[in-house]
Protein backbone atom coordinates (compact mmCIF):
# COMPACT_ATOMS: atom_id res chain seq x y z
CA MET A 1 -141.63 140.43 -23.29
CA TRP A 2 -141.68 138.91 -20.13
CA VAL A 3 -139.87 140.28 -16.49
CA VAL A 4 -138.84 137.25 -14.20
CA LYS A 5 -137.69 137.93 -11.11
CA ILE A 6 -135.68 135.31 -9.45
CA GLY A 7 -135.10 135.71 -6.09
CA GLY A 8 -131.46 135.49 -3.90
CA SER A 9 -132.41 132.88 -2.16
CA TRP A 10 -131.88 130.53 -5.37
CA LEU A 11 -128.07 131.21 -5.18
CA LYS A 12 -128.31 128.31 -2.99
CA ASN A 13 -130.16 126.41 -4.98
CA PRO A 14 -128.82 123.63 -6.72
CA LYS A 15 -131.18 123.70 -9.58
CA LEU A 16 -130.43 127.53 -10.34
CA PRO A 17 -128.50 126.29 -13.34
CA SER A 18 -131.33 124.49 -14.59
CA LEU A 19 -134.00 127.50 -13.68
CA ILE A 20 -131.08 129.14 -16.10
CA ASN A 21 -131.34 127.05 -18.95
CA PHE A 22 -134.76 126.29 -18.70
CA LEU A 23 -135.50 129.81 -19.11
CA GLN A 24 -133.15 130.12 -21.99
CA LYS A 25 -135.12 127.79 -24.39
CA PHE A 26 -137.78 130.65 -24.35
CA ALA A 27 -135.31 133.23 -24.94
CA ASN A 28 -137.74 134.12 -27.95
CA GLN A 29 -140.43 135.84 -25.68
CA LYS A 30 -138.01 138.53 -24.92
CA ILE A 31 -137.53 137.42 -21.11
CA VAL A 32 -135.98 139.98 -18.85
CA LEU A 33 -134.40 139.19 -15.46
CA VAL A 34 -134.40 140.95 -12.35
CA VAL A 35 -132.79 138.99 -9.64
CA GLY A 36 -132.88 139.49 -5.85
CA GLY A 37 -129.11 140.13 -3.87
CA GLY A 38 -128.84 137.08 -1.41
CA VAL A 39 -126.23 136.88 0.76
CA PHE A 40 -124.48 140.10 -1.20
CA ALA A 41 -127.34 141.98 -0.24
CA GLU A 42 -127.69 140.44 3.26
CA THR A 43 -123.79 141.84 3.81
CA VAL A 44 -124.94 144.89 2.79
CA ARG A 45 -127.44 145.16 5.71
CA ASN A 46 -125.34 144.08 8.12
CA VAL A 47 -123.21 146.94 7.28
CA TYR A 48 -125.61 149.56 7.26
CA LYS A 49 -127.05 148.28 10.54
CA SER A 50 -123.40 148.43 12.28
CA ASN A 51 -122.04 151.54 10.96
CA LYS A 52 -123.32 155.09 9.80
CA MET A 53 -125.39 155.06 6.54
CA THR A 54 -128.74 156.05 5.05
CA GLU A 55 -131.06 154.43 4.11
CA GLN A 56 -130.59 155.45 0.34
CA THR A 57 -127.35 154.89 0.55
CA GLY A 58 -127.60 151.20 1.87
CA HIS A 59 -130.42 150.90 -1.12
CA ILE A 60 -128.60 151.75 -3.75
CA LEU A 61 -125.68 149.34 -2.72
CA ALA A 62 -128.49 146.80 -2.03
CA MET A 63 -129.14 147.07 -5.71
CA LYS A 64 -125.09 147.14 -6.94
CA ALA A 65 -125.33 143.83 -4.58
CA THR A 66 -128.22 142.35 -6.97
CA GLU A 67 -125.57 142.55 -9.90
CA ILE A 68 -122.94 140.61 -8.36
CA PHE A 69 -125.68 137.60 -9.25
CA ALA A 70 -126.43 138.68 -12.16
CA TYR A 71 -122.65 138.29 -13.23
CA TYR A 72 -122.90 135.10 -11.17
CA LEU A 73 -125.38 133.82 -13.68
CA LYS A 74 -123.41 135.15 -16.91
CA SER A 75 -120.87 132.86 -15.41
CA ILE A 76 -123.65 129.83 -15.54
CA ASN A 77 -124.84 130.84 -18.80
CA PRO A 78 -122.75 133.19 -20.82
CA ASP A 79 -125.14 133.65 -23.42
CA ILE A 80 -127.34 135.65 -21.39
CA SER A 81 -127.20 139.56 -22.27
CA ILE A 82 -126.40 141.81 -19.54
CA THR A 83 -127.80 145.91 -19.49
CA ASN A 84 -128.59 148.88 -17.79
CA LYS A 85 -130.85 150.02 -20.34
CA ILE A 86 -134.09 149.18 -20.54
CA THR A 87 -134.79 149.96 -24.44
CA ASN A 88 -132.71 147.41 -26.12
CA PHE A 89 -133.68 143.62 -24.68
CA ILE A 90 -132.80 141.20 -27.45
CA LYS A 91 -135.39 138.39 -28.30
CA LYS A 92 -133.09 135.89 -29.25
CA ASN A 93 -131.35 136.07 -26.22
CA LEU A 94 -132.39 135.82 -22.44
CA ASN A 95 -131.99 139.09 -21.19
CA LEU A 96 -130.68 140.63 -17.45
CA TRP A 97 -131.06 143.88 -16.42
CA LEU A 98 -128.70 145.99 -14.50
CA PRO A 99 -131.03 148.41 -12.27
CA THR A 100 -128.36 150.99 -10.06
CA GLU A 101 -127.98 152.89 -12.64
CA LYS A 102 -131.54 153.96 -14.00
CA LEU A 103 -133.19 153.71 -10.28
CA SER A 104 -130.77 155.16 -8.79
CA PHE A 105 -131.75 158.85 -10.38
CA GLU A 106 -136.12 157.80 -11.05
CA LYS A 107 -137.32 159.84 -8.13
CA LYS A 108 -140.48 158.11 -7.85
CA PHE A 109 -138.64 155.07 -7.37
CA GLU A 110 -138.41 154.74 -3.23
CA LYS A 111 -134.87 154.40 -1.78
CA ASN A 112 -135.54 152.16 1.06
CA TRP A 113 -135.08 148.45 2.64
CA GLU A 114 -139.04 148.22 1.45
CA SER A 115 -137.94 148.53 -2.06
CA THR A 116 -136.33 145.46 -2.83
CA SER A 117 -135.57 143.41 -5.74
CA ASP A 118 -139.79 142.75 -6.02
CA SER A 119 -140.33 146.33 -6.87
CA ILE A 120 -137.29 146.07 -8.96
CA ALA A 121 -139.09 143.86 -11.35
CA THR A 122 -142.73 144.80 -10.73
CA TRP A 123 -140.95 149.08 -12.29
CA LEU A 124 -139.32 147.64 -14.97
CA TYR A 125 -143.04 145.51 -15.87
CA SER A 126 -144.47 148.89 -15.72
CA ASN A 127 -142.92 150.51 -17.33
CA THR A 128 -142.10 148.95 -20.33
CA GLU A 129 -143.89 146.71 -22.89
CA SER A 130 -144.05 143.84 -20.73
CA LYS A 131 -146.92 141.22 -20.94
CA GLY A 132 -146.40 140.59 -17.44
CA VAL A 133 -143.91 139.76 -14.10
CA VAL A 134 -143.27 136.28 -12.61
CA PHE A 135 -142.02 136.32 -9.42
CA ILE A 136 -139.99 133.31 -8.54
CA LYS A 137 -139.46 132.42 -4.98
CA SER A 138 -138.05 129.27 -3.02
CA ILE A 139 -141.10 128.39 -1.16
CA SER A 140 -144.21 126.36 -2.96
CA PHE A 141 -147.73 127.76 -3.75
CA THR A 142 -148.64 124.64 -5.33
CA ASN A 143 -152.23 124.80 -3.44
CA GLU A 144 -153.06 128.02 -4.18
CA GLU A 145 -154.30 129.61 -7.16
CA LYS A 146 -154.37 133.37 -6.66
CA LEU A 147 -152.71 134.82 -3.69
CA LYS A 148 -153.62 138.19 -2.53
CA LEU A 149 -150.90 140.78 -3.10
CA LYS A 150 -151.32 142.07 0.82
CA ASP A 151 -151.12 138.95 2.13
CA LEU A 152 -148.25 137.84 0.27
CA GLN A 153 -146.70 141.01 1.56
CA LYS A 154 -147.88 140.73 5.39
CA LYS A 155 -145.68 136.99 5.15
CA LYS A 156 -142.61 138.62 3.86
CA ILE A 157 -142.81 136.92 0.70
CA LEU A 158 -143.04 139.94 -1.88
CA ASP A 159 -142.27 143.51 -0.34
CA LEU A 160 -144.57 146.15 1.02
CA ASN A 161 -143.33 148.64 -1.81
CA VAL A 162 -144.76 146.60 -4.55
CA LYS A 163 -147.81 147.84 -5.45
CA ASN A 164 -146.82 151.96 -5.43
CA TYR A 165 -145.21 150.44 -8.59
CA VAL A 166 -147.85 148.71 -9.96
CA LYS A 167 -150.03 151.32 -12.53
CA ARG A 168 -153.11 150.05 -14.91
CA LYS A 169 -151.57 146.41 -16.21
CA LYS A 170 -151.44 144.18 -13.08
CA ASN A 171 -150.52 140.96 -14.75
CA LEU A 172 -148.57 139.64 -11.77
CA LYS A 173 -147.62 135.51 -11.46
CA ILE A 174 -145.76 133.88 -8.65
CA ILE A 175 -144.11 130.01 -8.33
CA GLY A 176 -141.81 128.61 -6.07
CA PRO A 177 -139.29 125.55 -7.00
CA GLU A 178 -142.19 123.81 -8.80
CA ILE A 179 -141.51 125.64 -11.48
CA ILE A 180 -138.83 123.61 -12.69
CA ASP A 181 -140.99 120.54 -13.32
CA LEU A 182 -143.23 123.12 -14.96
CA PHE A 183 -140.33 123.03 -17.38
CA GLU A 184 -139.43 119.90 -17.55
CA ASN A 185 -142.85 118.78 -18.70
CA SER A 186 -143.58 121.82 -21.22
CA THR A 187 -142.45 123.62 -23.94
CA ASP A 188 -145.01 126.02 -24.08
CA TRP A 189 -144.08 129.04 -22.50
CA GLU A 190 -148.02 130.46 -22.82
CA TYR A 191 -149.33 126.58 -21.15
CA ILE A 192 -146.59 127.52 -18.28
CA VAL A 193 -147.70 131.03 -17.72
CA SER A 194 -151.13 129.80 -17.47
CA LYS A 195 -150.14 127.61 -14.60
CA LEU A 196 -148.62 130.21 -12.08
CA ASN A 197 -150.44 131.61 -9.31
CA LYS A 198 -151.90 135.04 -10.08
CA VAL A 199 -151.44 137.80 -7.72
CA ILE A 200 -154.43 139.92 -7.09
CA VAL A 201 -153.58 143.10 -6.50
């Protein structure tokens, strides 16, 4: 099983359908998608800033925003299996996890603006039998093979709470839009993963 996190900014990327269709071809790897909230989460942030709302409430609503993106992806590819459980992922389908029900009541998951979908994906990776987590971002990392987590956090590419959810397993990978080129040139999942940039924790 692999956790693949798709950044919310991909909502505006015309190659999003291609990305999902490519990932579908590797469903036998038992891939579980976690998605960002994109413009939907930004709306929640704007409401939070201009109204009396606790950060915890804002965080839960932002998680709900990621689920709007999830159902949009389901409209792109009806074969996606959407679930809010962490035990019934299907190997023959592309899975997509809805985090709100589980993480709203998870005491050890920090409910603040520093726990974005990056943290959600990392938490899922650490709490399941996942081989690794892949962060698919909208910026390119083609000239760098290894990237330090703290540097990615300083640049606000990964959120500040990610390390809190990394346990014994530390197989974190990151890639930008060049993931499409990799998919176009290979049908070997292990080869593709080997070409991704490693995040050093």
